[in-house]
Amino acid sequence: MAVAVMEALMIFIVSCLCVFLILHLIKFFNKVWWNPIRIQSAMRAQGMKGPPYRFLHGNTKEIYNMRSEIMSSPMELSHQMLARIQPHVYSWIKLYGMNFLSWYGPQAQLVITEPELIKEVLSNKDGAYPKSVIQNYAEKLLGDGLVLSQGKKWLKMRKLAIHAFHAESLKGTIPAMIVSVETMLDRWRQEGVKEIEVFQEFKVLTSEIISRAAFRSSYLEGKNIFDMLTRMALIVGRNNYKVGISGIKKFFKTRDDIESEKLDRGIRDCMLKVIKRREEVMMGTEPDGYGSDFLGLLLKAYHENDKTKKISIDDLIDECKTFYVAGHETTTSSLTWTLLFLAIHTDWQNRAREEVLQIFGQKNPCPDSIGRLKTMTMIVNESLRLYPPVFNLTREVKREVKLGKLIVPAKMTICLSVLALHNNPQIWGEDAHLFKPERFAGGVAEATKEQCHRFSSIRLGTSKLCGLELRTFRN
């Protein structure tokens, strides 16, 4: 009798395990095969073409191979960056048209480069296209800060950032910026005639300016944080086109997993020290308690009694990470490319210098007159067009929607290619790949024929991202 009971129990357990395994296999194959094939068929029926879906990895292997091939050869001195940075987008636009369907693993991505559809996505007001939720390494790098947060949290954080980086709030930081630049230039003069790696120099410069303007600290004080964030960014970059199997990291961690977790803890600990030091130093020494810079405003919100205004310590750290990464990397890149353009195009260098001398003479720049630098503004805008700080914007499709003439299913990712938009000859002319600041002589509206969404670096800078004034002052 006991043996029969045991046999029945074993049969029941094995049956349950088999059912459990079969259900998970069905779920797995639905995710990595049936669902992608269904979406691919539905989109093709509407005329939306693209590279075919490959089991499990989608198109990531093709993208990785294209990038590896193009990066294996030296770069020519040209500004056709779409073919260099996003060779898959460049090739597939030619094959499938301005908009196409691609695959990041089993996740469908609708890549859009058509200006009117980009405008429709970005101007949507009913929440049909929320920001994509990032995971893994990118989540550790940026956290849930202003760039990635949504809804009420985004509004709360944006209000703080606007206050901290409004032109009036930044006027007091101009002398510190000038000191940082003069220190760098003096060091160059003392070193005599030699080759200078300006990108590395600008990394130090922008780091110091960010530290002074946002956190009232020195570059050396925040150097450890910047170094760890840079290492985290490298991990994000080398895993960008690697597709992992959901849940496997709970049981098996790669070297990058271990390193990223260690860096994440280190970044958090260093930021907590900066926060604690500010609380100890500033408390009771200023009328507003913690200072009027970005960190001070975040601390004030952290200690706020009103729950509608209060933020958590995680919110505070995420916001600091976002500003360290986004503000540092984008400005360093913009400064470097702008300086390269000025070195190559000496005619524009001379025009910019004459304008600066005409407006400021031998005096240091003042914030009230920076807006009068029309030539420099044209140069910076053209630099941002050719080398935008953000190559792609991603959105999730919350529910089935009609986009243009397309019916787009829910849960699909929409990828807006800023780089393709800025290099489109139908918008900018056949000379779109050339450095021609004069195209902005009449302002952004005239250059884009009153369609400012065609120039995403400006649209995002003025209406979506805070800190435009800080970046303008630094440039």
Protein backbone atom coordinates (compact mmCIF):
# COMPACT_ATOMS: atom_id res chain seq x y z
CA MET A 1 0.00 0.00 0.00
CA ALA A 2 2.78 2.38 0.96
CA VAL A 3 4.65 1.56 -2.25
CA ALA A 4 1.56 2.31 -4.33
CA VAL A 5 1.12 5.65 -2.57
CA MET A 6 4.76 6.54 -3.18
CA GLU A 7 4.47 5.57 -6.84
CA ALA A 8 1.32 7.68 -7.21
CA LEU A 9 3.04 10.60 -5.49
CA MET A 10 6.09 10.31 -7.76
CA ILE A 11 3.87 10.14 -10.84
CA PHE A 12 2.02 13.25 -9.65
CA ILE A 13 5.28 15.17 -9.00
CA VAL A 14 6.77 14.15 -12.36
CA SER A 15 3.52 15.06 -14.11
CA CYS A 16 3.50 18.49 -12.44
CA LEU A 17 7.12 19.06 -13.45
CA CYS A 18 6.35 18.03 -17.03
CA VAL A 19 3.33 20.35 -17.18
CA PHE A 20 5.42 23.16 -15.66
CA LEU A 21 8.20 22.57 -18.20
CA ILE A 22 5.79 22.34 -21.15
CA LEU A 23 4.02 25.57 -20.14
CA HIS A 24 7.34 27.41 -19.88
CA LEU A 25 8.50 26.01 -23.23
CA ILE A 26 5.25 27.17 -24.83
CA LYS A 27 5.71 30.61 -23.25
CA PHE A 28 9.35 30.73 -24.38
CA PHE A 29 8.64 29.74 -27.99
CA ASN A 30 5.68 32.10 -28.14
CA LYS A 31 8.03 34.94 -27.14
CA VAL A 32 10.98 34.06 -29.37
CA TRP A 33 9.17 32.63 -32.41
CA TRP A 34 5.39 32.79 -32.76
CA ASN A 35 4.96 36.39 -31.61
CA PRO A 36 7.80 37.80 -33.78
CA ILE A 37 6.53 35.91 -36.85
CA ARG A 38 2.99 37.18 -36.20
CA ILE A 39 4.16 40.80 -35.90
CA GLN A 40 6.40 40.48 -38.94
CA SER A 41 3.52 39.14 -41.04
CA ALA A 42 1.13 41.87 -39.83
CA MET A 43 3.62 44.65 -40.63
CA ARG A 44 4.52 43.20 -44.04
CA ALA A 45 0.82 43.07 -44.89
CA GLN A 46 0.80 46.87 -44.40
CA GLY A 47 3.81 47.33 -46.65
CA MET A 48 6.38 47.70 -43.86
CA LYS A 49 9.52 45.86 -44.91
CA GLY A 50 12.72 45.06 -43.08
CA PRO A 51 15.39 42.39 -42.50
CA PRO A 52 13.85 39.01 -41.66
CA TYR A 53 13.63 37.89 -38.04
CA ARG A 54 16.27 35.37 -36.97
CA PHE A 55 15.47 32.94 -34.17
CA LEU A 56 16.41 34.25 -30.74
CA HIS A 57 18.93 36.96 -31.74
CA GLY A 58 16.77 38.86 -34.25
CA ASN A 59 19.08 41.12 -36.26
CA THR A 60 21.66 41.81 -33.55
CA LYS A 61 24.31 39.56 -35.12
CA GLU A 62 23.92 41.32 -38.47
CA ILE A 63 24.20 44.72 -36.79
CA TYR A 64 27.24 43.64 -34.77
CA ASN A 65 28.98 42.26 -37.88
CA MET A 66 28.25 45.43 -39.89
CA ARG A 67 29.65 47.63 -37.12
CA SER A 68 32.71 45.42 -36.66
CA GLU A 69 33.46 45.51 -40.38
CA ILE A 70 33.12 49.29 -40.69
CA MET A 71 35.15 49.92 -37.52
CA SER A 72 37.98 47.66 -38.69
CA SER A 73 39.05 50.24 -41.30
CA PRO A 74 40.31 53.80 -40.63
CA MET A 75 37.75 56.57 -40.84
CA GLU A 76 37.96 58.96 -43.76
CA LEU A 77 37.92 62.69 -43.06
CA SER A 78 34.25 63.14 -43.90
CA HIS A 79 31.05 63.81 -42.00
CA GLN A 80 28.95 60.94 -43.38
CA MET A 81 28.53 59.53 -39.90
CA LEU A 82 25.35 57.53 -40.46
CA ALA A 83 27.24 54.95 -42.54
CA ARG A 84 29.97 54.85 -39.89
CA ILE A 85 28.02 54.86 -36.62
CA GLN A 86 24.82 53.11 -37.74
CA PRO A 87 25.77 51.12 -40.86
CA HIS A 88 22.68 48.92 -40.44
CA VAL A 89 20.35 51.93 -40.57
CA TYR A 90 22.26 53.36 -43.54
CA SER A 91 22.05 50.05 -45.46
CA TRP A 92 18.46 49.18 -44.55
CA ILE A 93 17.13 52.63 -45.46
CA LYS A 94 18.47 52.01 -48.96
CA LEU A 95 16.97 48.51 -49.07
CA TYR A 96 13.62 48.99 -47.34
CA GLY A 97 12.83 52.71 -47.32
CA MET A 98 12.84 55.53 -44.75
CA ASN A 99 10.99 53.40 -42.18
CA PHE A 100 11.58 49.70 -41.61
CA LEU A 101 11.04 46.86 -39.12
CA SER A 102 14.09 45.37 -37.39
CA TRP A 103 14.62 43.05 -34.43
CA TYR A 104 16.56 43.41 -31.19
CA GLY A 105 16.40 39.78 -30.18
CA PRO A 106 12.68 38.84 -30.21
CA GLN A 107 11.72 42.49 -29.59
CA ALA A 108 10.28 44.23 -32.66
CA GLN A 109 11.73 47.67 -33.42
CA LEU A 110 10.06 50.03 -35.85
CA VAL A 111 12.87 52.32 -37.04
CA ILE A 112 11.53 55.69 -38.19
CA THR A 113 13.47 58.36 -40.08
CA GLU A 114 10.51 60.09 -41.77
CA PRO A 115 10.18 63.60 -40.24
CA GLU A 116 6.37 63.72 -40.07
CA LEU A 117 6.13 60.37 -38.27
CA ILE A 118 8.87 61.42 -35.83
CA LYS A 119 6.90 64.59 -35.12
CA GLU A 120 3.73 62.54 -34.57
CA VAL A 121 5.46 60.31 -32.00
CA LEU A 122 7.22 63.11 -30.10
CA SER A 123 4.22 65.43 -30.03
CA ASN A 124 1.79 62.77 -28.79
CA LYS A 125 -0.01 63.95 -25.64
CA ASP A 126 -2.13 60.95 -24.62
CA GLY A 127 0.70 58.70 -23.45
CA ALA A 128 0.60 56.32 -26.41
CA TYR A 129 4.41 56.37 -26.73
CA PRO A 130 6.02 56.36 -23.25
CA LYS A 131 9.79 56.27 -22.85
CA SER A 132 11.39 52.87 -23.15
CA VAL A 133 12.23 51.14 -19.89
CA ILE A 134 15.95 50.43 -19.83
CA GLN A 135 17.38 47.47 -17.96
CA ASN A 136 20.63 45.83 -16.93
CA TYR A 137 23.81 47.87 -17.43
CA ALA A 138 22.20 51.04 -18.82
CA GLU A 139 19.89 51.15 -15.80
CA LYS A 140 22.90 51.08 -13.48
CA LEU A 141 24.55 53.84 -15.51
CA LEU A 142 21.67 56.33 -15.68
CA GLY A 143 19.18 55.24 -13.05
CA ASP A 144 15.63 56.55 -13.18
CA GLY A 145 16.60 60.20 -13.53
CA LEU A 146 15.19 63.07 -15.59
CA VAL A 147 16.13 61.56 -18.96
CA LEU A 148 14.30 58.28 -18.33
CA SER A 149 11.62 59.04 -15.73
CA GLN A 150 8.00 59.65 -16.70
CA GLY A 151 4.75 61.13 -15.46
CA LYS A 152 4.60 62.97 -12.13
CA LYS A 153 8.17 62.07 -11.22
CA TRP A 154 9.46 63.56 -14.48
CA LEU A 155 7.51 66.78 -13.89
CA LYS A 156 8.87 67.04 -10.34
CA MET A 157 12.49 66.47 -11.43
CA ARG A 158 12.18 68.75 -14.43
CA LYS A 159 10.95 71.59 -12.23
CA LEU A 160 14.02 71.21 -9.99
CA ALA A 161 16.38 71.12 -12.98
CA ILE A 162 14.80 74.17 -14.63
CA HIS A 163 15.25 76.11 -11.39
CA ALA A 164 18.88 75.02 -11.01
CA PHE A 165 19.92 75.63 -14.62
CA HIS A 166 17.96 78.71 -15.53
CA ALA A 167 20.11 81.43 -17.10
CA GLU A 168 19.72 83.68 -14.05
CA SER A 169 20.77 80.87 -11.71
CA LEU A 170 23.89 80.18 -13.79
CA LYS A 171 25.21 83.73 -13.99
CA GLY A 172 27.21 83.22 -10.83
CA THR A 173 29.00 80.20 -12.31
CA ILE A 174 30.45 82.07 -15.31
CA PRO A 175 33.57 83.32 -13.44
CA ALA A 176 34.32 79.76 -12.31
CA MET A 177 33.94 78.49 -15.89
CA ILE A 178 36.34 81.19 -17.12
CA VAL A 179 38.89 80.22 -14.45
CA SER A 180 38.67 76.55 -15.52
CA VAL A 181 39.21 77.40 -19.19
CA GLU A 182 42.07 79.82 -18.47
CA THR A 183 43.78 77.20 -16.29
CA MET A 184 43.57 74.69 -19.14
CA LEU A 185 44.92 77.18 -21.70
CA ASP A 186 47.78 78.23 -19.41
CA ARG A 187 48.78 74.59 -19.04
CA TRP A 188 48.80 74.18 -22.83
CA ARG A 189 51.04 77.24 -23.22
CA GLN A 190 53.50 75.99 -20.62
CA GLU A 191 53.79 72.62 -22.33
CA GLY A 192 54.93 74.34 -25.54
CA VAL A 193 54.46 72.90 -29.02
CA LYS A 194 53.08 69.37 -28.72
CA GLU A 195 50.15 67.23 -29.80
CA ILE A 196 47.18 67.56 -27.46
CA GLU A 197 44.38 65.00 -27.08
CA VAL A 198 41.62 67.59 -26.83
CA PHE A 199 38.87 65.07 -26.10
CA GLN A 200 40.60 64.04 -22.87
CA GLU A 201 41.31 67.69 -22.03
CA PHE A 202 37.65 68.58 -22.54
CA LYS A 203 36.57 65.63 -20.40
CA VAL A 204 38.50 67.14 -17.51
CA LEU A 205 37.25 70.65 -18.30
CA THR A 206 33.55 69.74 -18.52
CA SER A 207 33.85 67.53 -15.44
CA GLU A 208 35.25 70.43 -13.44
CA ILE A 209 32.59 72.86 -14.71
CA ILE A 210 29.79 70.41 -13.91
CA SER A 211 31.25 69.81 -10.45
CA ARG A 212 31.43 73.54 -9.77
CA ALA A 213 28.05 74.51 -11.28
CA ALA A 214 25.92 71.61 -10.08
CA PHE A 215 27.65 70.25 -6.98
CA ARG A 216 29.89 73.10 -5.79
CA SER A 217 32.88 70.78 -5.64
CA SER A 218 36.16 70.41 -7.53
CA TYR A 219 36.94 68.01 -10.37
CA LEU A 220 39.34 66.06 -8.14
CA GLU A 221 36.57 65.55 -5.58
CA GLY A 222 34.32 63.98 -8.21
CA LYS A 223 37.05 62.30 -10.27
CA ASN A 224 36.41 58.88 -8.74
CA ILE A 225 32.71 59.12 -9.64
CA PHE A 226 33.48 60.17 -13.22
CA ASP A 227 36.01 57.34 -13.60
CA MET A 228 33.54 54.71 -12.38
CA LEU A 229 30.76 56.07 -14.60
CA THR A 230 33.13 55.96 -17.58
CA ARG A 231 33.93 52.31 -16.87
CA MET A 232 30.20 51.57 -16.55
CA ALA A 233 29.58 53.30 -19.90
CA LEU A 234 32.20 51.04 -21.53
CA ILE A 235 30.33 47.98 -20.21
CA VAL A 236 27.08 49.35 -21.66
CA GLY A 237 28.76 49.95 -25.01
CA ARG A 238 30.27 46.50 -25.43
CA ASN A 239 26.98 44.79 -24.49
CA ASN A 240 24.75 47.00 -26.63
CA TYR A 241 23.96 44.34 -29.22
CA LYS A 242 24.15 41.25 -27.01
CA VAL A 243 20.81 39.59 -26.35
CA GLY A 244 20.50 37.74 -23.05
CA ILE A 245 17.96 35.12 -22.02
CA SER A 246 15.52 36.44 -19.42
CA GLY A 247 16.16 35.11 -15.92
CA ILE A 248 19.50 33.47 -16.64
CA LYS A 249 21.46 36.17 -14.76
CA LYS A 250 19.87 35.00 -11.52
CA PHE A 251 21.91 31.80 -11.82
CA PHE A 252 24.91 32.79 -13.94
CA LYS A 253 26.78 36.10 -13.83
CA THR A 254 29.25 37.20 -16.47
CA ARG A 255 32.40 39.19 -15.75
CA ASP A 256 30.55 42.35 -16.85
CA ASP A 257 27.68 41.56 -14.46
CA ILE A 258 30.06 41.28 -11.52
CA GLU A 259 32.02 44.41 -12.48
CA SER A 260 28.88 46.49 -13.10
CA GLU A 261 27.43 45.54 -9.70
CA LYS A 262 30.71 46.49 -8.03
CA LEU A 263 30.79 49.83 -9.89
CA ASP A 264 27.15 50.49 -9.05
CA ARG A 265 27.86 50.06 -5.34
CA GLY A 266 30.99 52.21 -5.61
CA ILE A 267 29.17 55.03 -7.42
CA ARG A 268 26.38 54.99 -4.86
CA ASP A 269 28.82 55.07 -1.91
CA CYS A 270 30.79 57.99 -3.41
CA MET A 271 27.64 59.99 -4.12
CA LEU A 272 26.35 59.37 -0.61
CA LYS A 273 29.63 60.79 0.73
CA VAL A 274 29.21 63.93 -1.43
CA ILE A 275 25.61 64.29 -0.21
CA LYS A 276 26.55 63.74 3.43
CA ARG A 277 29.40 66.25 3.21
CA ARG A 278 27.08 68.88 1.72
CA GLU A 279 24.53 68.30 4.50
CA GLU A 280 27.20 68.74 7.16
CA VAL A 281 28.86 71.80 5.59
CA MET A 282 25.83 73.71 4.35
CA MET A 283 23.26 73.11 7.05
CA GLY A 284 22.72 76.37 8.89
CA THR A 285 25.23 78.38 6.82
CA GLU A 286 22.87 79.54 4.02
CA PRO A 287 19.34 80.99 4.09
CA ASP A 288 17.92 78.12 2.03
CA GLY A 289 19.74 75.47 4.04
CA TYR A 290 21.57 73.39 1.42
CA GLY A 291 22.58 75.85 -1.30
CA SER A 292 20.94 77.00 -4.52
CA ASP A 293 22.84 74.75 -6.95
CA PHE A 294 21.48 71.48 -8.35
CA LEU A 295 22.60 69.31 -5.42
CA GLY A 296 21.26 71.86 -2.94
CA LEU A 297 17.83 71.86 -4.57
CA LEU A 298 17.78 68.05 -4.61
CA LEU A 299 18.69 67.94 -0.92
CA LYS A 300 15.99 70.46 -0.13
CA ALA A 301 13.46 68.25 -1.95
CA TYR A 302 14.80 65.18 -0.11
CA HIS A 303 14.17 66.85 3.27
CA GLU A 304 10.82 68.32 2.16
CA ASN A 305 7.83 67.61 4.43
CA ASP A 306 5.31 67.99 1.61
CA LYS A 307 4.99 64.50 0.09
CA THR A 308 4.08 65.94 -3.34
CA LYS A 309 7.49 67.67 -3.48
CA LYS A 310 9.58 65.14 -1.56
CA ILE A 311 12.05 62.82 -3.33
CA SER A 312 13.73 59.66 -2.02
CA ILE A 313 17.46 59.10 -1.58
CA ASP A 314 17.38 56.81 -4.64
CA ASP A 315 15.76 59.60 -6.67
CA LEU A 316 18.50 61.97 -5.52
CA ILE A 317 21.31 59.58 -6.49
CA ASP A 318 19.69 58.72 -9.85
CA GLU A 319 19.36 62.42 -10.67
CA CYS A 320 23.02 63.04 -9.85
CA LYS A 321 24.06 60.09 -12.04
CA THR A 322 21.91 61.33 -14.91
CA PHE A 323 23.44 64.78 -14.78
CA TYR A 324 27.00 63.51 -14.38
CA VAL A 325 26.64 61.20 -17.40
CA ALA A 326 24.34 63.12 -19.76
CA GLY A 327 25.77 66.57 -19.09
CA HIS A 328 29.38 65.43 -19.15
CA GLU A 329 29.45 63.16 -22.20
CA THR A 330 27.25 65.27 -24.48
CA THR A 331 29.13 68.51 -23.81
CA THR A 332 32.56 66.90 -24.14
CA SER A 333 31.56 65.43 -27.49
CA SER A 334 30.03 68.69 -28.75
CA LEU A 335 33.07 70.74 -27.73
CA THR A 336 35.49 68.32 -29.37
CA TRP A 337 33.68 68.19 -32.71
CA THR A 338 33.18 71.96 -32.74
CA LEU A 339 36.90 72.53 -32.15
CA LEU A 340 37.74 70.08 -34.94
CA PHE A 341 35.45 71.95 -37.34
CA LEU A 342 37.08 75.26 -36.42
CA ALA A 343 40.55 73.76 -36.95
CA ILE A 344 39.60 72.45 -40.40
CA HIS A 345 37.53 75.43 -41.53
CA THR A 346 39.80 78.34 -40.63
CA ASP A 347 37.49 80.82 -42.40
CA TRP A 348 34.77 80.08 -39.85
CA GLN A 349 37.36 80.13 -37.07
CA ASN A 350 38.36 83.66 -38.09
CA ARG A 351 34.73 84.80 -38.33
CA ALA A 352 33.96 83.42 -34.86
CA ARG A 353 37.06 85.05 -33.36
CA GLU A 354 36.22 88.43 -34.92
CA GLU A 355 32.68 88.22 -33.55
CA VAL A 356 33.91 87.43 -30.03
CA LEU A 357 36.42 90.31 -30.11
CA GLN A 358 33.78 92.67 -31.49
CA ILE A 359 31.27 91.85 -28.73
CA PHE A 360 33.56 91.27 -25.74
CA GLY A 361 36.83 92.93 -26.74
CA GLN A 362 39.53 91.93 -24.25
CA LYS A 363 36.98 91.39 -21.48
CA ASN A 364 35.75 88.06 -20.21
CA PRO A 365 32.41 86.79 -21.63
CA CYS A 366 29.31 87.84 -19.72
CA PRO A 367 26.02 85.88 -19.80
CA ASP A 368 23.92 88.83 -20.97
CA SER A 369 25.90 89.10 -24.23
CA ILE A 370 26.35 85.42 -25.06
CA GLY A 371 23.07 85.46 -27.00
CA ARG A 372 24.61 87.98 -29.42
CA LEU A 373 27.15 85.42 -30.69
CA LYS A 374 25.27 84.65 -33.92
CA THR A 375 28.21 83.15 -35.82
CA MET A 376 29.16 80.90 -32.92
CA THR A 377 25.53 79.79 -32.59
CA MET A 378 25.49 78.83 -36.28
CA ILE A 379 28.71 76.83 -35.85
CA VAL A 380 27.43 75.01 -32.75
CA ASN A 381 24.09 74.20 -34.42
CA GLU A 382 25.82 72.76 -37.48
CA SER A 383 28.14 70.74 -35.26
CA LEU A 384 25.12 69.35 -33.37
CA ARG A 385 23.41 68.51 -36.66
CA LEU A 386 26.35 66.51 -38.01
CA TYR A 387 27.31 64.97 -34.66
CA PRO A 388 24.20 64.91 -32.42
CA PRO A 389 24.89 63.95 -28.80
CA VAL A 390 22.06 61.38 -29.00
CA PHE A 391 21.84 59.11 -32.05
CA ASN A 392 18.51 57.45 -31.26
CA LEU A 393 15.37 58.11 -29.25
CA THR A 394 13.30 55.09 -28.25
CA ARG A 395 9.66 54.85 -27.26
CA GLU A 396 7.38 51.97 -26.35
CA VAL A 397 3.95 51.50 -27.93
CA LYS A 398 1.61 51.35 -24.93
CA ARG A 399 -1.42 50.17 -26.88
CA GLU A 400 -2.32 49.48 -30.49
CA VAL A 401 -2.12 52.82 -32.29
CA LYS A 402 -2.39 54.31 -35.75
CA LEU A 403 0.87 55.99 -36.75
CA GLY A 404 0.53 57.66 -40.11
CA LYS A 405 -1.13 54.96 -42.19
CA LEU A 406 0.28 52.13 -40.08
CA ILE A 407 -1.50 50.15 -37.39
CA VAL A 408 1.25 49.50 -34.85
CA PRO A 409 0.71 46.69 -32.30
CA ALA A 410 1.19 47.22 -28.58
CA LYS A 411 4.54 46.56 -26.87
CA MET A 412 6.56 47.29 -29.99
CA THR A 413 9.60 49.55 -29.65
CA ILE A 414 9.81 52.64 -31.85
CA CYS A 415 13.34 53.81 -32.64
CA LEU A 416 13.64 57.40 -33.91
CA SER A 417 16.97 57.77 -35.71
CA VAL A 418 18.21 61.30 -35.00
CA LEU A 419 21.40 60.68 -36.97
CA ALA A 420 19.46 59.64 -40.09
CA LEU A 421 17.15 62.63 -39.72
CA HIS A 422 20.08 65.04 -39.54
CA ASN A 423 21.74 63.49 -42.60
CA ASN A 424 18.64 63.30 -44.80
CA PRO A 425 19.38 65.05 -48.15
CA GLN A 426 15.63 65.51 -48.73
CA ILE A 427 15.60 67.85 -45.72
CA TRP A 428 19.04 69.45 -45.76
CA GLY A 429 19.93 69.18 -49.44
CA GLU A 430 22.55 67.15 -51.28
CA ASP A 431 25.25 68.86 -49.22
CA ALA A 432 23.81 67.45 -45.97
CA HIS A 433 27.12 65.70 -45.23
CA LEU A 434 29.10 68.95 -45.47
CA PHE A 435 29.89 71.43 -42.71
CA LYS A 436 27.96 74.56 -43.73
CA PRO A 437 26.95 76.72 -40.73
CA GLU A 438 25.40 79.27 -43.08
CA ARG A 439 22.37 77.00 -43.36
CA PHE A 440 21.47 78.30 -39.86
CA ALA A 441 22.00 81.98 -40.72
CA GLY A 442 18.26 82.64 -40.40
CA GLY A 443 17.87 80.48 -37.31
CA VAL A 444 16.69 76.91 -36.81
CA ALA A 445 13.14 77.61 -38.01
CA GLU A 446 14.33 78.89 -41.39
CA ALA A 447 16.92 76.11 -41.78
CA THR A 448 14.22 73.48 -41.19
CA LYS A 449 11.49 75.32 -43.13
CA GLU A 450 9.53 75.99 -39.91
CA GLN A 451 9.70 72.28 -39.00
CA CYS A 452 12.00 72.39 -35.96
CA HIS A 453 11.36 68.71 -35.17
CA ARG A 454 13.63 67.99 -38.14
CA PHE A 455 16.52 69.22 -36.01
CA SER A 456 16.14 67.06 -32.91
CA SER A 457 19.21 68.39 -31.09
CA ILE A 458 17.53 71.80 -30.83
CA ARG A 459 13.98 70.55 -30.32
CA LEU A 460 15.06 68.33 -27.46
CA GLY A 461 17.34 70.98 -26.03
CA THR A 462 14.69 73.67 -25.82
CA SER A 463 11.55 71.80 -24.94
CA LYS A 464 12.54 68.48 -23.40
CA LEU A 465 15.94 68.62 -21.72
CA CYS A 466 17.01 71.00 -19.00
CA GLY A 467 20.43 72.55 -18.74
CA LEU A 468 20.52 74.08 -22.24
CA GLU A 469 21.77 77.35 -20.76
CA LEU A 470 24.58 75.55 -18.95
CA ARG A 471 25.70 73.83 -22.15
CA THR A 472 25.49 77.12 -24.07
CA PHE A 473 27.62 78.91 -21.46
CA ARG A 474 30.20 76.11 -21.53
CA ASN A 475 30.40 76.13 -25.34
